[in-house]
mmCIF file of all heavy atoms, coordinates in Angstrom:
data_MODEL
# 
_entry.id   MODEL 
# 
loop_
_atom_site.group_PDB 
_atom_site.id 
_atom_site.type_symbol 
_atom_site.label_atom_id 
_atom_site.label_alt_id 
_atom_site.label_comp_id 
_atom_site.label_asym_id 
_atom_site.label_entity_id 
_atom_site.label_seq_id 
_atom_site.pdbx_PDB_ins_code 
_atom_site.Cartn_x 
_atom_site.Cartn_y 
_atom_site.Cartn_z 
_atom_site.occupancy 
_atom_site.B_iso_or_equiv 
_atom_site.pdbx_formal_charge 
_atom_site.auth_seq_id 
_atom_site.auth_comp_id 
_atom_site.auth_asym_id 
_atom_site.auth_atom_id 
_atom_site.pdbx_PDB_model_num 
ATOM 1   N N   . ALA A 1 1  ? 23.182 15.766 -6.178  1.00 0.00 ? 1  ALA A N   1 
ATOM 2   C CA  . ALA A 1 1  ? 23.933 16.786 -5.454  1.00 0.00 ? 1  ALA A CA  1 
ATOM 3   C C   . ALA A 1 1  ? 23.342 16.909 -4.057  1.00 0.00 ? 1  ALA A C   1 
ATOM 4   O O   . ALA A 1 1  ? 22.182 16.595 -3.827  1.00 0.00 ? 1  ALA A O   1 
ATOM 5   C CB  . ALA A 1 1  ? 23.847 18.123 -6.187  1.00 0.00 ? 1  ALA A CB  1 
ATOM 6   N N   . GLY A 1 2  ? 24.161 17.349 -3.150  1.00 0.00 ? 2  GLY A N   1 
ATOM 7   C CA  . GLY A 1 2  ? 23.681 17.541 -1.793  1.00 0.00 ? 2  GLY A CA  1 
ATOM 8   C C   . GLY A 1 2  ? 24.726 18.282 -0.985  1.00 0.00 ? 2  GLY A C   1 
ATOM 9   O O   . GLY A 1 2  ? 25.800 18.614 -1.479  1.00 0.00 ? 2  GLY A O   1 
ATOM 10  N N   . VAL A 1 3  ? 24.421 18.523 0.242   1.00 0.00 ? 3  VAL A N   1 
ATOM 11  C CA  . VAL A 1 3  ? 25.318 19.203 1.164   1.00 0.00 ? 3  VAL A CA  1 
ATOM 12  C C   . VAL A 1 3  ? 25.951 18.147 2.046   1.00 0.00 ? 3  VAL A C   1 
ATOM 13  O O   . VAL A 1 3  ? 25.275 17.221 2.510   1.00 0.00 ? 3  VAL A O   1 
ATOM 14  C CB  . VAL A 1 3  ? 24.533 20.228 2.014   1.00 0.00 ? 3  VAL A CB  1 
ATOM 15  C CG1 . VAL A 1 3  ? 25.430 20.890 3.039   1.00 0.00 ? 3  VAL A CG1 1 
ATOM 16  C CG2 . VAL A 1 3  ? 23.866 21.258 1.117   1.00 0.00 ? 3  VAL A CG2 1 
ATOM 17  N N   . VAL A 1 4  ? 27.278 18.258 2.289   1.00 0.00 ? 4  VAL A N   1 
ATOM 18  C CA  . VAL A 1 4  ? 27.973 17.296 3.136   1.00 0.00 ? 4  VAL A CA  1 
ATOM 19  C C   . VAL A 1 4  ? 27.225 17.164 4.463   1.00 0.00 ? 4  VAL A C   1 
ATOM 20  O O   . VAL A 1 4  ? 26.846 18.155 5.081   1.00 0.00 ? 4  VAL A O   1 
ATOM 21  C CB  . VAL A 1 4  ? 29.446 17.740 3.367   1.00 0.00 ? 4  VAL A CB  1 
ATOM 22  C CG1 . VAL A 1 4  ? 30.115 16.845 4.404   1.00 0.00 ? 4  VAL A CG1 1 
ATOM 23  C CG2 . VAL A 1 4  ? 30.210 17.714 2.059   1.00 0.00 ? 4  VAL A CG2 1 
ATOM 24  N N   . GLY A 1 5  ? 26.964 15.929 4.835   1.00 0.00 ? 5  GLY A N   1 
ATOM 25  C CA  . GLY A 1 5  ? 26.219 15.648 6.058   1.00 0.00 ? 5  GLY A CA  1 
ATOM 26  C C   . GLY A 1 5  ? 24.723 15.499 5.812   1.00 0.00 ? 5  GLY A C   1 
ATOM 27  O O   . GLY A 1 5  ? 24.006 14.936 6.627   1.00 0.00 ? 5  GLY A O   1 
ATOM 28  N N   . GLY A 1 6  ? 24.257 15.992 4.702   1.00 0.00 ? 6  GLY A N   1 
ATOM 29  C CA  . GLY A 1 6  ? 22.831 15.906 4.377   1.00 0.00 ? 6  GLY A CA  1 
ATOM 30  C C   . GLY A 1 6  ? 22.550 14.713 3.472   1.00 0.00 ? 6  GLY A C   1 
ATOM 31  O O   . GLY A 1 6  ? 23.417 13.877 3.220   1.00 0.00 ? 6  GLY A O   1 
ATOM 32  N N   . PRO A 1 7  ? 21.337 14.629 2.953   1.00 0.00 ? 7  PRO A N   1 
ATOM 33  C CA  . PRO A 1 7  ? 20.985 13.501 2.087   1.00 0.00 ? 7  PRO A CA  1 
ATOM 34  C C   . PRO A 1 7  ? 21.252 13.815 0.608   1.00 0.00 ? 7  PRO A C   1 
ATOM 35  O O   . PRO A 1 7  ? 21.332 14.972 0.206   1.00 0.00 ? 7  PRO A O   1 
ATOM 36  C CB  . PRO A 1 7  ? 19.484 13.337 2.326   1.00 0.00 ? 7  PRO A CB  1 
ATOM 37  C CG  . PRO A 1 7  ? 19.019 14.734 2.604   1.00 0.00 ? 7  PRO A CG  1 
ATOM 38  C CD  . PRO A 1 7  ? 20.158 15.399 3.352   1.00 0.00 ? 7  PRO A CD  1 
ATOM 39  N N   . ALA A 1 8  ? 21.401 12.768 -0.176  1.00 0.00 ? 8  ALA A N   1 
ATOM 40  C CA  . ALA A 1 8  ? 21.448 12.862 -1.633  1.00 0.00 ? 8  ALA A CA  1 
ATOM 41  C C   . ALA A 1 8  ? 20.413 11.880 -2.164  1.00 0.00 ? 8  ALA A C   1 
ATOM 42  O O   . ALA A 1 8  ? 20.231 10.794 -1.597  1.00 0.00 ? 8  ALA A O   1 
ATOM 43  C CB  . ALA A 1 8  ? 22.835 12.510 -2.159  1.00 0.00 ? 8  ALA A CB  1 
ATOM 44  N N   . VAL A 1 9  ? 19.733 12.272 -3.234  1.00 0.00 ? 9  VAL A N   1 
ATOM 45  C CA  . VAL A 1 9  ? 18.695 11.419 -3.810  1.00 0.00 ? 9  VAL A CA  1 
ATOM 46  C C   . VAL A 1 9  ? 19.133 11.010 -5.213  1.00 0.00 ? 9  VAL A C   1 
ATOM 47  O O   . VAL A 1 9  ? 19.416 11.859 -6.058  1.00 0.00 ? 9  VAL A O   1 
ATOM 48  C CB  . VAL A 1 9  ? 17.335 12.155 -3.874  1.00 0.00 ? 9  VAL A CB  1 
ATOM 49  C CG1 . VAL A 1 9  ? 16.278 11.257 -4.502  1.00 0.00 ? 9  VAL A CG1 1 
ATOM 50  C CG2 . VAL A 1 9  ? 16.901 12.598 -2.483  1.00 0.00 ? 9  VAL A CG2 1 
ATOM 51  N N   . PHE A 1 10 ? 19.198 9.704  -5.440  1.00 0.00 ? 10 PHE A N   1 
ATOM 52  C CA  . PHE A 1 10 ? 19.573 9.156  -6.739  1.00 0.00 ? 10 PHE A CA  1 
ATOM 53  C C   . PHE A 1 10 ? 18.339 8.562  -7.404  1.00 0.00 ? 10 PHE A C   1 
ATOM 54  O O   . PHE A 1 10 ? 17.513 7.942  -6.742  1.00 0.00 ? 10 PHE A O   1 
ATOM 55  C CB  . PHE A 1 10 ? 20.626 8.051  -6.569  1.00 0.00 ? 10 PHE A CB  1 
ATOM 56  C CG  . PHE A 1 10 ? 21.929 8.549  -6.024  1.00 0.00 ? 10 PHE A CG  1 
ATOM 57  C CD1 . PHE A 1 10 ? 22.144 8.608  -4.651  1.00 0.00 ? 10 PHE A CD1 1 
ATOM 58  C CD2 . PHE A 1 10 ? 22.939 8.970  -6.870  1.00 0.00 ? 10 PHE A CD2 1 
ATOM 59  C CE1 . PHE A 1 10 ? 23.349 9.060  -4.139  1.00 0.00 ? 10 PHE A CE1 1 
ATOM 60  C CE2 . PHE A 1 10 ? 24.150 9.432  -6.368  1.00 0.00 ? 10 PHE A CE2 1 
ATOM 61  C CZ  . PHE A 1 10 ? 24.354 9.476  -4.997  1.00 0.00 ? 10 PHE A CZ  1 
ATOM 62  N N   . THR A 1 11 ? 18.237 8.766  -8.695  1.00 0.00 ? 11 THR A N   1 
ATOM 63  C CA  . THR A 1 11 ? 17.137 8.162  -9.446  1.00 0.00 ? 11 THR A CA  1 
ATOM 64  C C   . THR A 1 11 ? 17.706 7.225  -10.502 1.00 0.00 ? 11 THR A C   1 
ATOM 65  O O   . THR A 1 11 ? 18.829 7.406  -10.970 1.00 0.00 ? 11 THR A O   1 
ATOM 66  C CB  . THR A 1 11 ? 16.249 9.223  -10.135 1.00 0.00 ? 11 THR A CB  1 
ATOM 67  O OG1 . THR A 1 11 ? 17.059 10.010 -10.995 1.00 0.00 ? 11 THR A OG1 1 
ATOM 68  C CG2 . THR A 1 11 ? 15.548 10.105 -9.120  1.00 0.00 ? 11 THR A CG2 1 
ATOM 69  N N   . CYS A 1 12 ? 16.926 6.242  -10.837 1.00 0.00 ? 12 CYS A N   1 
ATOM 70  C CA  . CYS A 1 12 ? 17.295 5.276  -11.861 1.00 0.00 ? 12 CYS A CA  1 
ATOM 71  C C   . CYS A 1 12 ? 16.819 5.845  -13.195 1.00 0.00 ? 12 CYS A C   1 
ATOM 72  O O   . CYS A 1 12 ? 15.631 6.118  -13.370 1.00 0.00 ? 12 CYS A O   1 
ATOM 73  C CB  . CYS A 1 12 ? 16.619 3.945  -11.560 1.00 0.00 ? 12 CYS A CB  1 
ATOM 74  S SG  . CYS A 1 12 ? 17.098 2.620  -12.658 1.00 0.00 ? 12 CYS A SG  1 
ATOM 75  N N   . ASP A 1 13 ? 17.755 6.056  -14.114 1.00 0.00 ? 13 ASP A N   1 
ATOM 76  C CA  . ASP A 1 13 ? 17.406 6.575  -15.434 1.00 0.00 ? 13 ASP A CA  1 
ATOM 77  C C   . ASP A 1 13 ? 17.049 5.414  -16.349 1.00 0.00 ? 13 ASP A C   1 
ATOM 78  O O   . ASP A 1 13 ? 17.892 4.579  -16.667 1.00 0.00 ? 13 ASP A O   1 
ATOM 79  C CB  . ASP A 1 13 ? 18.571 7.367  -16.025 1.00 0.00 ? 13 ASP A CB  1 
ATOM 80  C CG  . ASP A 1 13 ? 18.867 8.635  -15.250 1.00 0.00 ? 13 ASP A CG  1 
ATOM 81  O OD1 . ASP A 1 13 ? 17.920 9.194  -14.664 1.00 0.00 ? 13 ASP A OD1 1 
ATOM 82  O OD2 . ASP A 1 13 ? 20.030 9.063  -15.237 1.00 0.00 ? 13 ASP A OD2 1 
ATOM 83  N N   . VAL A 1 14 ? 15.797 5.371  -16.760 1.00 0.00 ? 14 VAL A N   1 
ATOM 84  C CA  . VAL A 1 14 ? 15.281 4.319  -17.626 1.00 0.00 ? 14 VAL A CA  1 
ATOM 85  C C   . VAL A 1 14 ? 14.991 4.939  -18.985 1.00 0.00 ? 14 VAL A C   1 
ATOM 86  O O   . VAL A 1 14 ? 14.420 6.032  -19.056 1.00 0.00 ? 14 VAL A O   1 
ATOM 87  C CB  . VAL A 1 14 ? 13.983 3.716  -17.017 1.00 0.00 ? 14 VAL A CB  1 
ATOM 88  C CG1 . VAL A 1 14 ? 13.402 2.653  -17.919 1.00 0.00 ? 14 VAL A CG1 1 
ATOM 89  C CG2 . VAL A 1 14 ? 14.265 3.151  -15.634 1.00 0.00 ? 14 VAL A CG2 1 
ATOM 90  N N   . PRO A 1 15 ? 15.378 4.287  -20.088 1.00 0.00 ? 15 PRO A N   1 
ATOM 91  C CA  . PRO A 1 15 ? 15.088 4.850  -21.412 1.00 0.00 ? 15 PRO A CA  1 
ATOM 92  C C   . PRO A 1 15 ? 13.597 5.154  -21.570 1.00 0.00 ? 15 PRO A C   1 
ATOM 93  O O   . PRO A 1 15 ? 12.746 4.367  -21.129 1.00 0.00 ? 15 PRO A O   1 
ATOM 94  C CB  . PRO A 1 15 ? 15.528 3.749  -22.378 1.00 0.00 ? 15 PRO A CB  1 
ATOM 95  C CG  . PRO A 1 15 ? 16.509 2.929  -21.613 1.00 0.00 ? 15 PRO A CG  1 
ATOM 96  C CD  . PRO A 1 15 ? 16.062 3.001  -20.178 1.00 0.00 ? 15 PRO A CD  1 
ATOM 97  N N   . PRO A 1 16 ? 13.264 6.279  -22.179 1.00 0.00 ? 16 PRO A N   1 
ATOM 98  C CA  . PRO A 1 16 ? 11.854 6.666  -22.315 1.00 0.00 ? 16 PRO A CA  1 
ATOM 99  C C   . PRO A 1 16 ? 11.007 5.652  -23.095 1.00 0.00 ? 16 PRO A C   1 
ATOM 100 O O   . PRO A 1 16 ? 9.808  5.565  -22.886 1.00 0.00 ? 16 PRO A O   1 
ATOM 101 C CB  . PRO A 1 16 ? 11.896 8.012  -23.025 1.00 0.00 ? 16 PRO A CB  1 
ATOM 102 C CG  . PRO A 1 16 ? 13.283 8.186  -23.517 1.00 0.00 ? 16 PRO A CG  1 
ATOM 103 C CD  . PRO A 1 16 ? 14.167 7.264  -22.762 1.00 0.00 ? 16 PRO A CD  1 
ATOM 104 N N   . THR A 1 17 ? 11.630 4.869  -23.957 1.00 0.00 ? 17 THR A N   1 
ATOM 105 C CA  . THR A 1 17 ? 10.863 3.897  -24.741 1.00 0.00 ? 17 THR A CA  1 
ATOM 106 C C   . THR A 1 17 ? 10.267 2.784  -23.897 1.00 0.00 ? 17 THR A C   1 
ATOM 107 O O   . THR A 1 17 ? 9.328  2.118  -24.318 1.00 0.00 ? 17 THR A O   1 
ATOM 108 C CB  . THR A 1 17 ? 11.743 3.261  -25.840 1.00 0.00 ? 17 THR A CB  1 
ATOM 109 O OG1 . THR A 1 17 ? 12.911 2.702  -25.222 1.00 0.00 ? 17 THR A OG1 1 
ATOM 110 C CG2 . THR A 1 17 ? 12.150 4.283  -26.884 1.00 0.00 ? 17 THR A CG2 1 
ATOM 111 N N   . VAL A 1 18 ? 10.816 2.569  -22.696 1.00 0.00 ? 18 VAL A N   1 
ATOM 112 C CA  . VAL A 1 18 ? 10.297 1.500  -21.839 1.00 0.00 ? 18 VAL A CA  1 
ATOM 113 C C   . VAL A 1 18 ? 9.860  1.999  -20.467 1.00 0.00 ? 18 VAL A C   1 
ATOM 114 O O   . VAL A 1 18 ? 9.364  1.219  -19.658 1.00 0.00 ? 18 VAL A O   1 
ATOM 115 C CB  . VAL A 1 18 ? 11.333 0.364  -21.658 1.00 0.00 ? 18 VAL A CB  1 
ATOM 116 C CG1 . VAL A 1 18 ? 11.602 -0.337 -22.970 1.00 0.00 ? 18 VAL A CG1 1 
ATOM 117 C CG2 . VAL A 1 18 ? 12.613 0.871  -21.037 1.00 0.00 ? 18 VAL A CG2 1 
ATOM 118 N N   . SER A 1 19 ? 10.018 3.280  -20.189 1.00 0.00 ? 19 SER A N   1 
ATOM 119 C CA  . SER A 1 19 ? 9.779  3.795  -18.833 1.00 0.00 ? 19 SER A CA  1 
ATOM 120 C C   . SER A 1 19 ? 8.363  3.538  -18.319 1.00 0.00 ? 19 SER A C   1 
ATOM 121 O O   . SER A 1 19 ? 8.171  3.325  -17.120 1.00 0.00 ? 19 SER A O   1 
ATOM 122 C CB  . SER A 1 19 ? 10.111 5.284  -18.756 1.00 0.00 ? 19 SER A CB  1 
ATOM 123 O OG  . SER A 1 19 ? 9.283  6.020  -19.615 1.00 0.00 ? 19 SER A OG  1 
ATOM 124 N N   . ARG A 1 20 ? 7.365  3.526  -19.200 1.00 0.00 ? 20 ARG A N   1 
ATOM 125 C CA  . ARG A 1 20 ? 5.989  3.258  -18.751 1.00 0.00 ? 20 ARG A CA  1 
ATOM 126 C C   . ARG A 1 20 ? 5.813  1.845  -18.235 1.00 0.00 ? 20 ARG A C   1 
ATOM 127 O O   . ARG A 1 20 ? 4.857  1.545  -17.530 1.00 0.00 ? 20 ARG A O   1 
ATOM 128 C CB  . ARG A 1 20 ? 5.005  3.467  -19.906 1.00 0.00 ? 20 ARG A CB  1 
ATOM 129 C CG  . ARG A 1 20 ? 4.776  4.880  -20.270 1.00 0.00 ? 20 ARG A CG  1 
ATOM 130 C CD  . ARG A 1 20 ? 3.703  5.089  -21.313 1.00 0.00 ? 20 ARG A CD  1 
ATOM 131 N NE  . ARG A 1 20 ? 2.897  3.924  -21.628 1.00 0.00 ? 20 ARG A NE  1 
ATOM 132 C CZ  . ARG A 1 20 ? 2.319  3.726  -22.787 1.00 0.00 ? 20 ARG A CZ  1 
ATOM 133 N NH1 . ARG A 1 20 ? 2.458  4.579  -23.753 1.00 0.00 ? 20 ARG A NH1 1 
ATOM 134 N NH2 . ARG A 1 20 ? 1.585  2.658  -22.998 1.00 0.00 ? 20 ARG A NH2 1 
ATOM 135 N N   . HIS A 1 21 ? 6.724  0.956  -18.626 1.00 0.00 ? 21 HIS A N   1 
ATOM 136 C CA  . HIS A 1 21 ? 6.564  -0.456 -18.313 1.00 0.00 ? 21 HIS A CA  1 
ATOM 137 C C   . HIS A 1 21 ? 7.599  -0.983 -17.324 1.00 0.00 ? 21 HIS A C   1 
ATOM 138 O O   . HIS A 1 21 ? 7.652  -2.176 -17.087 1.00 0.00 ? 21 HIS A O   1 
ATOM 139 C CB  . HIS A 1 21 ? 6.639  -1.270 -19.607 1.00 0.00 ? 21 HIS A CB  1 
ATOM 140 C CG  . HIS A 1 21 ? 5.715  -0.743 -20.654 1.00 0.00 ? 21 HIS A CG  1 
ATOM 141 N ND1 . HIS A 1 21 ? 4.348  -0.908 -20.586 1.00 0.00 ? 21 HIS A ND1 1 
ATOM 142 C CD2 . HIS A 1 21 ? 5.942  -0.011 -21.766 1.00 0.00 ? 21 HIS A CD2 1 
ATOM 143 C CE1 . HIS A 1 21 ? 3.790  -0.315 -21.619 1.00 0.00 ? 21 HIS A CE1 1 
ATOM 144 N NE2 . HIS A 1 21 ? 4.726  0.238  -22.348 1.00 0.00 ? 21 HIS A NE2 1 
ATOM 145 N N   . VAL A 1 22 ? 8.422  -0.086 -16.783 1.00 0.00 ? 22 VAL A N   1 
ATOM 146 C CA  . VAL A 1 22 ? 9.492  -0.504 -15.880 1.00 0.00 ? 22 VAL A CA  1 
ATOM 147 C C   . VAL A 1 22 ? 9.260  0.091  -14.501 1.00 0.00 ? 22 VAL A C   1 
ATOM 148 O O   . VAL A 1 22 ? 8.933  1.265  -14.370 1.00 0.00 ? 22 VAL A O   1 
ATOM 149 C CB  . VAL A 1 22 ? 10.871 -0.065 -16.422 1.00 0.00 ? 22 VAL A CB  1 
ATOM 150 C CG1 . VAL A 1 22 ? 11.969 -0.335 -15.417 1.00 0.00 ? 22 VAL A CG1 1 
ATOM 151 C CG2 . VAL A 1 22 ? 11.165 -0.760 -17.741 1.00 0.00 ? 22 VAL A CG2 1 
ATOM 152 N N   . THR A 1 23 ? 9.441  -0.729 -13.481 1.00 0.00 ? 23 THR A N   1 
ATOM 153 C CA  . THR A 1 23 ? 9.348  -0.289 -12.093 1.00 0.00 ? 23 THR A CA  1 
ATOM 154 C C   . THR A 1 23 ? 10.667 -0.611 -11.409 1.00 0.00 ? 23 THR A C   1 
ATOM 155 O O   . THR A 1 23 ? 11.181 -1.730 -11.557 1.00 0.00 ? 23 THR A O   1 
ATOM 156 C CB  . THR A 1 23 ? 8.206  -1.033 -11.367 1.00 0.00 ? 23 THR A CB  1 
ATOM 157 O OG1 . THR A 1 23 ? 6.985  -0.781 -12.055 1.00 0.00 ? 23 THR A OG1 1 
ATOM 158 C CG2 . THR A 1 23 ? 8.081  -0.583 -9.924  1.00 0.00 ? 23 THR A CG2 1 
ATOM 159 N N   . VAL A 1 24 ? 11.217 0.345  -10.675 1.00 0.00 ? 24 VAL A N   1 
ATOM 160 C CA  . VAL A 1 24 ? 12.438 0.095  -9.919  1.00 0.00 ? 24 VAL A CA  1 
ATOM 161 C C   . VAL A 1 24 ? 12.058 -0.774 -8.727  1.00 0.00 ? 24 VAL A C   1 
ATOM 162 O O   . VAL A 1 24 ? 11.237 -0.387 -7.898  1.00 0.00 ? 24 VAL A O   1 
ATOM 163 C CB  . VAL A 1 24 ? 13.094 1.416  -9.461  1.00 0.00 ? 24 VAL A CB  1 
ATOM 164 C CG1 . VAL A 1 24 ? 14.310 1.135  -8.588  1.00 0.00 ? 24 VAL A CG1 1 
ATOM 165 C CG2 . VAL A 1 24 ? 13.485 2.266  -10.663 1.00 0.00 ? 24 VAL A CG2 1 
ATOM 166 N N   . THR A 1 25 ? 12.667 -1.954 -8.662  1.00 0.00 ? 25 THR A N   1 
ATOM 167 C CA  . THR A 1 25 ? 12.326 -2.898 -7.596  1.00 0.00 ? 25 THR A CA  1 
ATOM 168 C C   . THR A 1 25 ? 13.407 -3.001 -6.537  1.00 0.00 ? 25 THR A C   1 
ATOM 169 O O   . THR A 1 25 ? 13.131 -3.478 -5.433  1.00 0.00 ? 25 THR A O   1 
ATOM 170 C CB  . THR A 1 25 ? 12.054 -4.302 -8.161  1.00 0.00 ? 25 THR A CB  1 
ATOM 171 O OG1 . THR A 1 25 ? 13.224 -4.743 -8.860  1.00 0.00 ? 25 THR A OG1 1 
ATOM 172 C CG2 . THR A 1 25 ? 10.851 -4.280 -9.098  1.00 0.00 ? 25 THR A CG2 1 
ATOM 173 N N   . SER A 1 26 ? 14.638 -2.592 -6.855  1.00 0.00 ? 26 SER A N   1 
ATOM 174 C CA  . SER A 1 26 ? 15.706 -2.666 -5.858  1.00 0.00 ? 26 SER A CA  1 
ATOM 175 C C   . SER A 1 26 ? 16.922 -1.875 -6.312  1.00 0.00 ? 26 SER A C   1 
ATOM 176 O O   . SER A 1 26 ? 17.037 -1.512 -7.490  1.00 0.00 ? 26 SER A O   1 
ATOM 177 C CB  . SER A 1 26 ? 16.111 -4.119 -5.593  1.00 0.00 ? 26 SER A CB  1 
ATOM 178 O OG  . SER A 1 26 ? 16.681 -4.693 -6.759  1.00 0.00 ? 26 SER A OG  1 
ATOM 179 N N   . TRP A 1 27 ? 17.812 -1.615 -5.363  1.00 0.00 ? 27 TRP A N   1 
ATOM 180 C CA  . TRP A 1 27 ? 19.115 -0.993 -5.609  1.00 0.00 ? 27 TRP A CA  1 
ATOM 181 C C   . TRP A 1 27 ? 20.161 -1.905 -4.981  1.00 0.00 ? 27 TRP A C   1 
ATOM 182 O O   . TRP A 1 27 ? 19.901 -2.544 -3.959  1.00 0.00 ? 27 TRP A O   1 
ATOM 183 C CB  . TRP A 1 27 ? 19.206 0.384  -4.950  1.00 0.00 ? 27 TRP A CB  1 
ATOM 184 C CG  . TRP A 1 27 ? 18.462 1.465  -5.662  1.00 0.00 ? 27 TRP A CG  1 
ATOM 185 C CD1 . TRP A 1 27 ? 17.127 1.705  -5.610  1.00 0.00 ? 27 TRP A CD1 1 
ATOM 186 C CD2 . TRP A 1 27 ? 19.013 2.468  -6.508  1.00 0.00 ? 27 TRP A CD2 1 
ATOM 187 N NE1 . TRP A 1 27 ? 16.803 2.799  -6.374  1.00 0.00 ? 27 TRP A NE1 1 
ATOM 188 C CE2 . TRP A 1 27 ? 17.951 3.287  -6.936  1.00 0.00 ? 27 TRP A CE2 1 
ATOM 189 C CE3 . TRP A 1 27 ? 20.306 2.757  -6.942  1.00 0.00 ? 27 TRP A CE3 1 
ATOM 190 C CZ2 . TRP A 1 27 ? 18.145 4.372  -7.786  1.00 0.00 ? 27 TRP A CZ2 1 
ATOM 191 C CZ3 . TRP A 1 27 ? 20.492 3.838  -7.780  1.00 0.00 ? 27 TRP A CZ3 1 
ATOM 192 C CH2 . TRP A 1 27 ? 19.421 4.635  -8.206  1.00 0.00 ? 27 TRP A CH2 1 
# 
């Protein structure tokens, strides 16, 4: 969510079973 004209921040949702071992490398 954000305000028109402002920034929005998106996160990559990774299943908790693997989240300790996964790094977001690109979009």
